[in-house]
């Protein structure tokens, strides 16, 4: 029986992220399963699925940098900003490769982005896509997102359908289809997303992802070796080791005095200066390990408090007994 762990699923097209979770529930016979970083039905690629106790890490994994491989079509505008929406307009594409590269370059770093109407963001208690389906428009405020890198992989301005292929690394909350439309506007023509594959989400990469259809045919024993441990997915957290006595106090919700443990690894956050809506837990969080009942265990996440000189328990992962 599987009680915890994380599966790196390769989601196919024409399937929602919720569909993937439903298949995992049926295959494993476990109800407590959730995914991180929703993918649209027509998007493909990496979708981490957390099982049992590992659902506790979802909020941490949601803030990981994601990487995508994409293609956009110039000269076309749709209501959803992707090829699967209703066509609103077509325009002539008169641009150069240099102008395309210049436009892409202006979207690297911290940018303001207005979410599309066809999105799950709520305004006045109602999701934007619900307004859009009713033919209504509401004021949507721009918000800051972080584009770590935006690399052009190919430009085709010679074919009848003029396209640009690119890869992007970005923060939570970034809409790639909006990037496409905004780049098109910067070039001087419309643009829409035609292909979106998530190639990485934190430590999870596409080359190690398992196809969901293959998962359906596997036994529990075949699935077990594919599981990531909760602690292995939290690579940017620091690492602390402590004694069994202090560890037992910690898993009962008590703070860990800094003189009762040893820092083995400091938190790694290479992009700590960029705007990303993460809590201090992510920046100052430590994974605590200690011997319980004679076995080294991952106890939980502690957040360092510099004034009180201790690590406050944020999430407990080991429950004795």
C-alpha atoms as a PDB file:
ATOM      1  CA  UNK A   1       0.000   0.000   0.000  1.00  0.00           C
ATOM      2  CA  UNK A   2       1.200   3.528  -0.818  1.00  0.00           C
ATOM      3  CA  UNK A   3       0.602   6.139   1.888  1.00  0.00           C
ATOM      4  CA  UNK A   4       2.751   9.006   0.609  1.00  0.00           C
ATOM      5  CA  UNK A   5       5.023  10.139  -2.204  1.00  0.00           C
ATOM      6  CA  UNK A   6       4.974  12.283  -5.339  1.00  0.00           C
ATOM      7  CA  UNK A   7       4.466  11.083  -8.897  1.00  0.00           C
ATOM      8  CA  UNK A   8       5.895  13.006 -11.844  1.00  0.00           C
ATOM      9  CA  UNK A   9       3.120  12.651 -14.424  1.00  0.00           C
ATOM     10  CA  UNK A  10       3.347  13.583 -18.104  1.00  0.00           C
ATOM     11  CA  UNK A  11      -0.133  14.970 -18.805  1.00  0.00           C
ATOM     12  CA  UNK A  12      -1.451  14.502 -22.343  1.00  0.00           C
ATOM     13  CA  UNK A  13      -3.697  16.854 -24.307  1.00  0.00           C
ATOM     14  CA  UNK A  14      -7.486  16.754 -23.942  1.00  0.00           C
ATOM     15  CA  UNK A  15      -7.245  15.937 -20.251  1.00  0.00           C
ATOM     16  CA  UNK A  16      -7.653  18.248 -17.270  1.00  0.00           C
ATOM     17  CA  UNK A  17      -5.315  18.214 -14.293  1.00  0.00           C
ATOM     18  CA  UNK A  18      -8.297  17.013 -12.254  1.00  0.00           C
ATOM     19  CA  UNK A  19      -8.704  14.070 -14.663  1.00  0.00           C
ATOM     20  CA  UNK A  20      -5.106  13.058 -13.930  1.00  0.00           C
ATOM     21  CA  UNK A  21      -5.779  13.118 -10.190  1.00  0.00           C
ATOM     22  CA  UNK A  22      -8.932  11.016 -10.677  1.00  0.00           C
ATOM     23  CA  UNK A  23      -6.959   8.364 -12.587  1.00  0.00           C
ATOM     24  CA  UNK A  24      -4.302   8.291  -9.862  1.00  0.00           C
ATOM     25  CA  UNK A  25      -6.994   7.852  -7.208  1.00  0.00           C
ATOM     26  CA  UNK A  26      -8.559   4.916  -9.028  1.00  0.00           C
ATOM     27  CA  UNK A  27      -5.207   3.292  -9.805  1.00  0.00           C
ATOM     28  CA  UNK A  28      -3.831   3.607  -6.281  1.00  0.00           C
ATOM     29  CA  UNK A  29      -7.095   3.312  -4.365  1.00  0.00           C
ATOM     30  CA  UNK A  30      -6.301   6.465  -2.386  1.00  0.00           C
ATOM     31  CA  UNK A  31      -8.597   9.479  -1.992  1.00  0.00           C
ATOM     32  CA  UNK A  32      -6.091  11.955  -0.582  1.00  0.00           C
ATOM     33  CA  UNK A  33      -4.291  12.996  -3.779  1.00  0.00           C
ATOM     34  CA  UNK A  34      -3.694  16.458  -5.251  1.00  0.00           C
ATOM     35  CA  UNK A  35      -1.693  18.089  -8.020  1.00  0.00           C
ATOM     36  CA  UNK A  36       0.501  21.174  -8.117  1.00  0.00           C
ATOM     37  CA  UNK A  37       0.484  23.828 -10.839  1.00  0.00           C
ATOM     38  CA  UNK A  38      -2.657  23.336 -12.927  1.00  0.00           C
ATOM     39  CA  UNK A  39      -2.182  22.673 -16.641  1.00  0.00           C
ATOM     40  CA  UNK A  40      -4.883  23.671 -19.132  1.00  0.00           C
ATOM     41  CA  UNK A  41      -6.583  20.733 -20.914  1.00  0.00           C
ATOM     42  CA  UNK A  42      -4.696  21.326 -24.185  1.00  0.00           C
ATOM     43  CA  UNK A  43      -1.318  21.799 -22.466  1.00  0.00           C
ATOM     44  CA  UNK A  44       0.968  18.817 -21.930  1.00  0.00           C
ATOM     45  CA  UNK A  45       3.891  17.904 -19.736  1.00  0.00           C
ATOM     46  CA  UNK A  46       5.038  17.775 -16.140  1.00  0.00           C
ATOM     47  CA  UNK A  47       2.306  17.607 -13.499  1.00  0.00           C
ATOM     48  CA  UNK A  48       3.521  16.606 -10.011  1.00  0.00           C
ATOM     49  CA  UNK A  49       0.858  14.609  -8.163  1.00  0.00           C
ATOM     50  CA  UNK A  50       1.132  14.375  -4.379  1.00  0.00           C
ATOM     51  CA  UNK A  51      -0.194  11.363  -2.507  1.00  0.00           C
ATOM     52  CA  UNK A  52      -1.351  11.022   1.096  1.00  0.00           C
ATOM     53  CA  UNK A  53       0.886  12.836   3.589  1.00  0.00           C
ATOM     54  CA  UNK A  54       2.855  14.328   0.696  1.00  0.00           C
ATOM     55  CA  UNK A  55      -0.083  16.626  -0.093  1.00  0.00           C
ATOM     56  CA  UNK A  56       1.387  18.790   2.675  1.00  0.00           C
ATOM     57  CA  UNK A  57       4.124  19.956   0.286  1.00  0.00           C
ATOM     58  CA  UNK A  58       1.737  21.212  -2.415  1.00  0.00           C
ATOM     59  CA  UNK A  59       1.866  24.812  -1.215  1.00  0.00           C
ATOM     60  CA  UNK A  60       5.672  24.732  -1.371  1.00  0.00           C
ATOM     61  CA  UNK A  61       5.858  23.102  -4.807  1.00  0.00           C
ATOM     62  CA  UNK A  62       3.340  25.561  -6.257  1.00  0.00           C
ATOM     63  CA  UNK A  63       5.919  28.320  -5.898  1.00  0.00           C
ATOM     64  CA  UNK A  64       8.669  26.485  -7.806  1.00  0.00           C
ATOM     65  CA  UNK A  65       9.896  27.917 -11.083  1.00  0.00           C
ATOM     66  CA  UNK A  66       8.260  26.235 -14.077  1.00  0.00           C
ATOM     67  CA  UNK A  67       9.772  25.762 -17.527  1.00  0.00           C
ATOM     68  CA  UNK A  68       7.807  25.466 -20.760  1.00  0.00           C
ATOM     69  CA  UNK A  69       8.439  24.775 -24.433  1.00  0.00           C
ATOM     70  CA  UNK A  70       6.013  26.750 -26.601  1.00  0.00           C
ATOM     71  CA  UNK A  71       5.028  27.828 -30.095  1.00  0.00           C
ATOM     72  CA  UNK A  72       3.111  30.958 -31.080  1.00  0.00           C
ATOM     73  CA  UNK A  73       1.423  31.885 -34.354  1.00  0.00           C
ATOM     74  CA  UNK A  74       1.753  35.473 -35.542  1.00  0.00           C
ATOM     75  CA  UNK A  75      -1.152  37.319 -37.150  1.00  0.00           C
ATOM     76  CA  UNK A  76      -3.990  35.620 -35.281  1.00  0.00           C
ATOM     77  CA  UNK A  77      -5.988  36.756 -32.260  1.00  0.00           C
ATOM     78  CA  UNK A  78      -8.477  34.585 -30.345  1.00  0.00           C
ATOM     79  CA  UNK A  79     -10.687  35.196 -27.337  1.00  0.00           C
ATOM     80  CA  UNK A  80      -8.716  32.700 -25.212  1.00  0.00           C
ATOM     81  CA  UNK A  81      -5.279  33.826 -26.462  1.00  0.00           C
ATOM     82  CA  UNK A  82      -4.628  30.291 -27.719  1.00  0.00           C
ATOM     83  CA  UNK A  83      -5.405  28.359 -30.906  1.00  0.00           C
ATOM     84  CA  UNK A  84      -8.336  26.545 -29.294  1.00  0.00           C
ATOM     85  CA  UNK A  85     -10.405  29.701 -28.837  1.00  0.00           C
ATOM     86  CA  UNK A  86     -12.700  31.626 -31.192  1.00  0.00           C
ATOM     87  CA  UNK A  87     -10.927  33.712 -33.814  1.00  0.00           C
ATOM     88  CA  UNK A  88     -11.356  37.439 -33.244  1.00  0.00           C
ATOM     89  CA  UNK A  89      -9.125  38.833 -35.967  1.00  0.00           C
ATOM     90  CA  UNK A  90      -6.340  38.143 -38.438  1.00  0.00           C
ATOM     91  CA  UNK A  91      -3.642  40.579 -39.436  1.00  0.00           C
ATOM     92  CA  UNK A  92      -0.761  40.843 -41.859  1.00  0.00           C
ATOM     93  CA  UNK A  93       2.628  40.006 -40.417  1.00  0.00           C
ATOM     94  CA  UNK A  94       5.287  42.440 -41.499  1.00  0.00           C
ATOM     95  CA  UNK A  95       8.220  42.057 -39.168  1.00  0.00           C
ATOM     96  CA  UNK A  96      11.831  40.974 -39.099  1.00  0.00           C
ATOM     97  CA  UNK A  97      13.694  38.423 -37.010  1.00  0.00           C
ATOM     98  CA  UNK A  98      15.506  41.273 -35.280  1.00  0.00           C
ATOM     99  CA  UNK A  99      12.212  42.914 -34.290  1.00  0.00           C
ATOM    100  CA  UNK A 100      10.913  39.588 -32.937  1.00  0.00           C
ATOM    101  CA  UNK A 101      14.027  39.101 -30.809  1.00  0.00           C
ATOM    102  CA  UNK A 102      13.833  42.663 -29.534  1.00  0.00           C
ATOM    103  CA  UNK A 103      10.193  42.189 -28.535  1.00  0.00           C
ATOM    104  CA  UNK A 104      10.959  38.973 -26.635  1.00  0.00           C
ATOM    105  CA  UNK A 105      13.829  40.641 -24.797  1.00  0.00           C
ATOM    106  CA  UNK A 106      11.498  43.190 -23.228  1.00  0.00           C
ATOM    107  CA  UNK A 107       9.612  40.479 -21.322  1.00  0.00           C
ATOM    108  CA  UNK A 108      12.480  39.141 -19.209  1.00  0.00           C
ATOM    109  CA  UNK A 109      12.592  39.918 -15.479  1.00  0.00           C
ATOM    110  CA  UNK A 110       9.777  41.296 -13.338  1.00  0.00           C
ATOM    111  CA  UNK A 111       6.879  42.352 -15.571  1.00  0.00           C
ATOM    112  CA  UNK A 112       3.290  43.483 -15.167  1.00  0.00           C
ATOM    113  CA  UNK A 113       0.840  41.061 -16.723  1.00  0.00           C
ATOM    114  CA  UNK A 114      -2.930  41.318 -17.007  1.00  0.00           C
ATOM    115  CA  UNK A 115      -4.514  37.845 -16.658  1.00  0.00           C
ATOM    116  CA  UNK A 116      -6.749  36.759 -19.560  1.00  0.00           C
ATOM    117  CA  UNK A 117     -10.528  36.751 -19.272  1.00  0.00           C
ATOM    118  CA  UNK A 118     -10.513  33.006 -19.855  1.00  0.00           C
ATOM    119  CA  UNK A 119      -8.794  32.164 -16.563  1.00  0.00           C
ATOM    120  CA  UNK A 120      -9.788  30.830 -13.155  1.00  0.00           C
ATOM    121  CA  UNK A 121      -8.966  34.035 -11.287  1.00  0.00           C
ATOM    122  CA  UNK A 122     -11.865  35.269  -9.181  1.00  0.00           C
ATOM    123  CA  UNK A 123     -13.302  38.792  -9.316  1.00  0.00           C
ATOM    124  CA  UNK A 124     -16.125  39.554  -6.890  1.00  0.00           C
ATOM    125  CA  UNK A 125     -16.391  35.860  -6.044  1.00  0.00           C
ATOM    126  CA  UNK A 126     -16.790  34.749  -9.649  1.00  0.00           C
ATOM    127  CA  UNK A 127     -14.173  33.236 -11.980  1.00  0.00           C
ATOM    128  CA  UNK A 128     -13.165  35.283 -14.997  1.00  0.00           C
ATOM    129  CA  UNK A 129     -13.974  32.507 -17.471  1.00  0.00           C
ATOM    130  CA  UNK A 130     -17.562  32.516 -16.172  1.00  0.00           C
ATOM    131  CA  UNK A 131     -17.886  36.210 -17.046  1.00  0.00           C
ATOM    132  CA  UNK A 132     -16.280  35.529 -20.443  1.00  0.00           C
ATOM    133  CA  UNK A 133     -18.712  32.719 -21.262  1.00  0.00           C
ATOM    134  CA  UNK A 134     -21.580  35.083 -20.469  1.00  0.00           C
ATOM    135  CA  UNK A 135     -20.125  37.647 -22.855  1.00  0.00           C
ATOM    136  CA  UNK A 136     -19.283  40.009 -20.016  1.00  0.00           C
ATOM    137  CA  UNK A 137     -16.041  41.842 -19.336  1.00  0.00           C
ATOM    138  CA  UNK A 138     -14.812  43.025 -15.955  1.00  0.00           C
ATOM    139  CA  UNK A 139     -11.859  45.117 -14.905  1.00  0.00           C
ATOM    140  CA  UNK A 140      -8.846  42.904 -14.305  1.00  0.00           C
ATOM    141  CA  UNK A 141      -5.856  44.354 -12.511  1.00  0.00           C
ATOM    142  CA  UNK A 142      -2.350  43.651 -13.731  1.00  0.00           C
ATOM    143  CA  UNK A 143      -0.053  41.768 -11.409  1.00  0.00           C
ATOM    144  CA  UNK A 144       3.663  41.210 -11.251  1.00  0.00           C
ATOM    145  CA  UNK A 145       5.192  37.966 -12.443  1.00  0.00           C
ATOM    146  CA  UNK A 146       8.796  36.930 -12.925  1.00  0.00           C
ATOM    147  CA  UNK A 147      10.263  35.678 -16.210  1.00  0.00           C
ATOM    148  CA  UNK A 148      13.588  34.100 -15.329  1.00  0.00           C
ATOM    149  CA  UNK A 149      14.489  33.339 -18.946  1.00  0.00           C
ATOM    150  CA  UNK A 150      12.860  33.615 -22.359  1.00  0.00           C
ATOM    151  CA  UNK A 151      14.803  31.924 -25.144  1.00  0.00           C
ATOM    152  CA  UNK A 152      13.805  31.856 -28.808  1.00  0.00           C
ATOM    153  CA  UNK A 153      14.326  28.394 -30.303  1.00  0.00           C
ATOM    154  CA  UNK A 154      13.149  29.077 -33.833  1.00  0.00           C
ATOM    155  CA  UNK A 155      11.627  31.811 -36.015  1.00  0.00           C
ATOM    156  CA  UNK A 156       9.786  31.034 -39.252  1.00  0.00           C
ATOM    157  CA  UNK A 157       8.769  34.171 -41.167  1.00  0.00           C
ATOM    158  CA  UNK A 158       8.926  32.544 -44.600  1.00  0.00           C
ATOM    159  CA  UNK A 159       6.015  30.104 -44.381  1.00  0.00           C
ATOM    160  CA  UNK A 160       2.386  31.039 -44.868  1.00  0.00           C
ATOM    161  CA  UNK A 161       1.871  30.543 -41.135  1.00  0.00           C
ATOM    162  CA  UNK A 162       4.543  32.572 -39.404  1.00  0.00           C
ATOM    163  CA  UNK A 163       5.582  31.069 -36.084  1.00  0.00           C
ATOM    164  CA  UNK A 164       8.014  31.516 -33.221  1.00  0.00           C
ATOM    165  CA  UNK A 165       9.120  28.638 -30.970  1.00  0.00           C
ATOM    166  CA  UNK A 166      10.540  29.480 -27.560  1.00  0.00           C
ATOM    167  CA  UNK A 167      11.247  28.218 -24.055  1.00  0.00           C
ATOM    168  CA  UNK A 168      10.388  30.129 -20.915  1.00  0.00           C
ATOM    169  CA  UNK A 169      11.168  29.810 -17.195  1.00  0.00           C
ATOM    170  CA  UNK A 170       8.691  31.697 -15.060  1.00  0.00           C
ATOM    171  CA  UNK A 171       7.032  32.125 -11.703  1.00  0.00           C
ATOM    172  CA  UNK A 172       3.693  30.904 -10.470  1.00  0.00           C
ATOM    173  CA  UNK A 173       0.776  32.826 -11.958  1.00  0.00           C
ATOM    174  CA  UNK A 174       2.384  33.538 -15.340  1.00  0.00           C
ATOM    175  CA  UNK A 175       0.073  33.076 -18.334  1.00  0.00           C
ATOM    176  CA  UNK A 176       2.122  31.948 -21.342  1.00  0.00           C
ATOM    177  CA  UNK A 177      -0.720  32.670 -23.751  1.00  0.00           C
ATOM    178  CA  UNK A 178      -0.762  36.258 -22.494  1.00  0.00           C
ATOM    179  CA  UNK A 179       2.990  36.452 -23.091  1.00  0.00           C
ATOM    180  CA  UNK A 180       2.284  35.428 -26.689  1.00  0.00           C
ATOM    181  CA  UNK A 181      -0.388  38.096 -27.173  1.00  0.00           C
ATOM    182  CA  UNK A 182       1.730  40.793 -25.531  1.00  0.00           C
ATOM    183  CA  UNK A 183       4.760  39.877 -27.641  1.00  0.00           C
ATOM    184  CA  UNK A 184       2.553  40.039 -30.735  1.00  0.00           C
ATOM    185  CA  UNK A 185       1.333  43.484 -29.714  1.00  0.00           C
ATOM    186  CA  UNK A 186       4.936  44.595 -29.214  1.00  0.00           C
ATOM    187  CA  UNK A 187       5.812  43.354 -32.703  1.00  0.00           C
ATOM    188  CA  UNK A 188       2.798  45.105 -34.178  1.00  0.00           C
ATOM    189  CA  UNK A 189       0.603  42.143 -35.059  1.00  0.00           C
ATOM    190  CA  UNK A 190      -1.635  39.691 -33.246  1.00  0.00           C
ATOM    191  CA  UNK A 191      -0.264  36.441 -31.851  1.00  0.00           C
ATOM    192  CA  UNK A 192      -1.682  33.337 -30.217  1.00  0.00           C
ATOM    193  CA  UNK A 193      -0.329  30.273 -28.443  1.00  0.00           C
ATOM    194  CA  UNK A 194      -0.448  27.039 -30.465  1.00  0.00           C
ATOM    195  CA  UNK A 195       1.621  24.627 -28.348  1.00  0.00           C
ATOM    196  CA  UNK A 196       2.450  24.463 -24.636  1.00  0.00           C
ATOM    197  CA  UNK A 197       4.483  21.753 -22.926  1.00  0.00           C
ATOM    198  CA  UNK A 198       5.700  22.062 -19.350  1.00  0.00           C
ATOM    199  CA  UNK A 199       9.196  20.599 -19.347  1.00  0.00           C
ATOM    200  CA  UNK A 200      10.066  21.196 -15.696  1.00  0.00           C
ATOM    201  CA  UNK A 201       8.499  22.138 -12.376  1.00  0.00           C
ATOM    202  CA  UNK A 202      11.064  22.450  -9.620  1.00  0.00           C
ATOM    203  CA  UNK A 203      12.962  19.151  -9.418  1.00  0.00           C
ATOM    204  CA  UNK A 204      10.489  17.380 -11.721  1.00  0.00           C
ATOM    205  CA  UNK A 205      11.514  17.152 -15.387  1.00  0.00           C
ATOM    206  CA  UNK A 206       9.824  15.869 -18.523  1.00  0.00           C
ATOM    207  CA  UNK A 207      12.510  13.257 -19.271  1.00  0.00           C
ATOM    208  CA  UNK A 208      11.646  11.462 -16.018  1.00  0.00           C
ATOM    209  CA  UNK A 209       7.859  11.872 -16.201  1.00  0.00           C
ATOM    210  CA  UNK A 210       5.562   8.874 -16.582  1.00  0.00           C
ATOM    211  CA  UNK A 211       2.711   8.822 -19.083  1.00  0.00           C
ATOM    212  CA  UNK A 212      -0.651   8.739 -17.315  1.00  0.00           C
ATOM    213  CA  UNK A 213      -1.945   6.022 -19.639  1.00  0.00           C
ATOM    214  CA  UNK A 214       1.012   3.827 -18.724  1.00  0.00           C
ATOM    215  CA  UNK A 215       0.282   4.416 -15.042  1.00  0.00           C
ATOM    216  CA  UNK A 216      -3.213   2.970 -15.501  1.00  0.00           C
ATOM    217  CA  UNK A 217      -1.717  -0.439 -16.360  1.00  0.00           C
ATOM    218  CA  UNK A 218       0.813  -0.593 -13.531  1.00  0.00           C
ATOM    219  CA  UNK A 219       0.555  -2.389 -10.225  1.00  0.00           C
ATOM    220  CA  UNK A 220       1.232  -0.698  -6.890  1.00  0.00           C
ATOM    221  CA  UNK A 221       4.567  -2.518  -6.656  1.00  0.00           C
ATOM    222  CA  UNK A 222       5.570  -1.166 -10.068  1.00  0.00           C
ATOM    223  CA  UNK A 223       4.569   2.371  -9.085  1.00  0.00           C
ATOM    224  CA  UNK A 224       6.446   2.475  -5.760  1.00  0.00           C
ATOM    225  CA  UNK A 225       9.946   2.888  -7.328  1.00  0.00           C
ATOM    226  CA  UNK A 226       8.662   5.906  -9.295  1.00  0.00           C
ATOM    227  CA  UNK A 227       7.679   7.857  -6.190  1.00  0.00           C
ATOM    228  CA  UNK A 228       9.641  10.881  -5.027  1.00  0.00           C
ATOM    229  CA  UNK A 229       9.911  11.453  -1.291  1.00  0.00           C
ATOM    230  CA  UNK A 230       8.362  14.656   0.036  1.00  0.00           C
ATOM    231  CA  UNK A 231      11.726  15.897   1.294  1.00  0.00           C
ATOM    232  CA  UNK A 232      13.449  15.251  -2.051  1.00  0.00           C
ATOM    233  CA  UNK A 233      11.076  17.646  -3.810  1.00  0.00           C
ATOM    234  CA  UNK A 234      11.978  20.486  -1.428  1.00  0.00           C
ATOM    235  CA  UNK A 235      15.464  21.008  -2.814  1.00  0.00           C
ATOM    236  CA  UNK A 236      15.617  24.743  -2.078  1.00  0.00           C
ATOM    237  CA  UNK A 237      15.035  24.324   1.644  1.00  0.00           C
ATOM    238  CA  UNK A 238      17.885  24.135   4.116  1.00  0.00           C
ATOM    239  CA  UNK A 239      18.643  20.993   6.106  1.00  0.00           C
ATOM    240  CA  UNK A 240      18.890  20.624   9.887  1.00  0.00           C
ATOM    241  CA  UNK A 241      19.747  17.589  11.996  1.00  0.00           C
ATOM    242  CA  UNK A 242      18.738  17.242  15.625  1.00  0.00           C
ATOM    243  CA  UNK A 243      18.579  14.753  18.487  1.00  0.00           C
ATOM    244  CA  UNK A 244      15.737  12.367  19.171  1.00  0.00           C
ATOM    245  CA  UNK A 245      14.699  14.304  22.290  1.00  0.00           C
ATOM    246  CA  UNK A 246      14.502  17.630  20.436  1.00  0.00           C
ATOM    247  CA  UNK A 247      12.961  15.958  17.404  1.00  0.00           C
ATOM    248  CA  UNK A 248      10.136  14.530  19.502  1.00  0.00           C
ATOM    249  CA  UNK A 249       9.418  17.982  20.896  1.00  0.00           C
ATOM    250  CA  UNK A 250       9.399  19.428  17.368  1.00  0.00           C
ATOM    251  CA  UNK A 251       6.885  16.914  15.966  1.00  0.00           C
ATOM    252  CA  UNK A 252       4.621  17.858  18.862  1.00  0.00           C
ATOM    253  CA  UNK A 253       4.595  21.450  17.610  1.00  0.00           C
ATOM    254  CA  UNK A 254       7.307  22.976  19.773  1.00  0.00           C
ATOM    255  CA  UNK A 255       9.858  25.397  18.293  1.00  0.00           C
ATOM    256  CA  UNK A 256      13.402  24.111  17.813  1.00  0.00           C
ATOM    257  CA  UNK A 257      16.053  26.258  19.603  1.00  0.00           C
ATOM    258  CA  UNK A 258      18.975  26.836  17.261  1.00  0.00           C
ATOM    259  CA  UNK A 259      21.432  25.516  19.843  1.00  0.00           C
ATOM    260  CA  UNK A 260      19.628  22.168  19.819  1.00  0.00           C
ATOM    261  CA  UNK A 261      20.322  21.369  16.195  1.00  0.00           C
ATOM    262  CA  UNK A 262      22.973  21.523  13.499  1.00  0.00           C
ATOM    263  CA  UNK A 263      22.560  23.289  10.160  1.00  0.00           C
ATOM    264  CA  UNK A 264      23.813  20.914   7.468  1.00  0.00           C
ATOM    265  CA  UNK A 265      22.681  22.994   4.504  1.00  0.00           C
ATOM    266  CA  UNK A 266      21.452  26.567   4.231  1.00  0.00           C
ATOM    267  CA  UNK A 267      18.362  27.405   2.154  1.00  0.00           C
ATOM    268  CA  UNK A 268      19.168  27.886  -1.508  1.00  0.00           C
ATOM    269  CA  UNK A 269      17.189  30.577  -3.244  1.00  0.00           C
ATOM    270  CA  UNK A 270      19.155  31.832  -6.220  1.00  0.00           C
ATOM    271  CA  UNK A 271      16.371  34.205  -7.255  1.00  0.00           C
ATOM    272  CA  UNK A 272      15.586  35.616  -3.847  1.00  0.00           C
ATOM    273  CA  UNK A 273      15.493  39.195  -5.185  1.00  0.00           C
ATOM    274  CA  UNK A 274      12.854  38.582  -7.823  1.00  0.00           C
ATOM    275  CA  UNK A 275       9.182  39.081  -7.250  1.00  0.00           C
ATOM    276  CA  UNK A 276       7.480  35.806  -6.486  1.00  0.00           C
ATOM    277  CA  UNK A 277       4.511  35.506  -4.123  1.00  0.00           C
ATOM    278  CA  UNK A 278       6.170  33.082  -1.728  1.00  0.00           C
ATOM    279  CA  UNK A 279       6.126  33.046   2.035  1.00  0.00           C
ATOM    280  CA  UNK A 280       9.135  33.351   4.301  1.00  0.00           C
ATOM    281  CA  UNK A 281       8.747  29.613   4.760  1.00  0.00           C
ATOM    282  CA  UNK A 282      10.220  29.099   1.322  1.00  0.00           C
ATOM    283  CA  UNK A 283      13.083  31.532   1.806  1.00  0.00           C
ATOM    284  CA  UNK A 284      13.903  30.715   5.422  1.00  0.00           C
ATOM    285  CA  UNK A 285      12.608  27.150   5.612  1.00  0.00           C
ATOM    286  CA  UNK A 286      14.601  24.147   6.797  1.00  0.00           C
ATOM    287  CA  UNK A 287      13.921  20.432   6.520  1.00  0.00           C
ATOM    288  CA  UNK A 288      14.417  18.858   9.933  1.00  0.00           C
ATOM    289  CA  UNK A 289      15.778  15.340  10.283  1.00  0.00           C
ATOM    290  CA  UNK A 290      16.272  13.350  13.451  1.00  0.00           C
ATOM    291  CA  UNK A 291      16.359   9.811  14.860  1.00  0.00           C
ATOM    292  CA  UNK A 292      12.968   8.627  16.071  1.00  0.00           C
ATOM    293  CA  UNK A 293      12.758   5.110  17.478  1.00  0.00           C
ATOM    294  CA  UNK A 294      16.249   4.414  16.237  1.00  0.00           C
ATOM    295  CA  UNK A 295      15.637   5.450  12.616  1.00  0.00           C
ATOM    296  CA  UNK A 296      16.582   8.696  10.881  1.00  0.00           C
ATOM    297  CA  UNK A 297      13.400  10.423   9.724  1.00  0.00           C
ATOM    298  CA  UNK A 298      12.210  13.547   7.953  1.00  0.00           C
ATOM    299  CA  UNK A 299      10.367  15.349  10.723  1.00  0.00           C
ATOM    300  CA  UNK A 300       9.007  18.474   9.068  1.00  0.00           C
ATOM    301  CA  UNK A 301       9.610  22.067   8.000  1.00  0.00           C
ATOM    302  CA  UNK A 302      10.865  24.688  10.423  1.00  0.00           C
ATOM    303  CA  UNK A 303      11.053  28.422   9.746  1.00  0.00           C
ATOM    304  CA  UNK A 304      13.892  30.349  11.333  1.00  0.00           C
ATOM    305  CA  UNK A 305      12.975  33.255  13.600  1.00  0.00           C
ATOM    306  CA  UNK A 306      16.050  35.497  13.953  1.00  0.00           C
ATOM    307  CA  UNK A 307      14.636  37.369  16.967  1.00  0.00           C
ATOM    308  CA  UNK A 308      13.679  34.313  19.001  1.00  0.00           C
ATOM    309  CA  UNK A 309      16.631  32.261  17.735  1.00  0.00           C
ATOM    310  CA  UNK A 310      14.547  29.207  16.985  1.00  0.00           C
ATOM    311  CA  UNK A 311      12.892  27.266  14.163  1.00  0.00           C
ATOM    312  CA  UNK A 312       9.112  27.427  14.391  1.00  0.00           C
ATOM    313  CA  UNK A 313       7.242  24.351  13.176  1.00  0.00           C
ATOM    314  CA  UNK A 314       5.447  25.115   9.897  1.00  0.00           C
ATOM    315  CA  UNK A 315       4.532  21.601   8.760  1.00  0.00           C
ATOM    316  CA  UNK A 316       4.988  18.291  10.583  1.00  0.00           C
ATOM    317  CA  UNK A 317       5.568  15.280   8.330  1.00  0.00           C
ATOM    318  CA  UNK A 318       6.343  12.540  10.825  1.00  0.00           C
ATOM    319  CA  UNK A 319       3.726  11.425  13.328  1.00  0.00           C
ATOM    320  CA  UNK A 320       4.898   8.906  15.854  1.00  0.00           C
ATOM    321  CA  UNK A 321       2.935   5.721  16.158  1.00  0.00           C
END
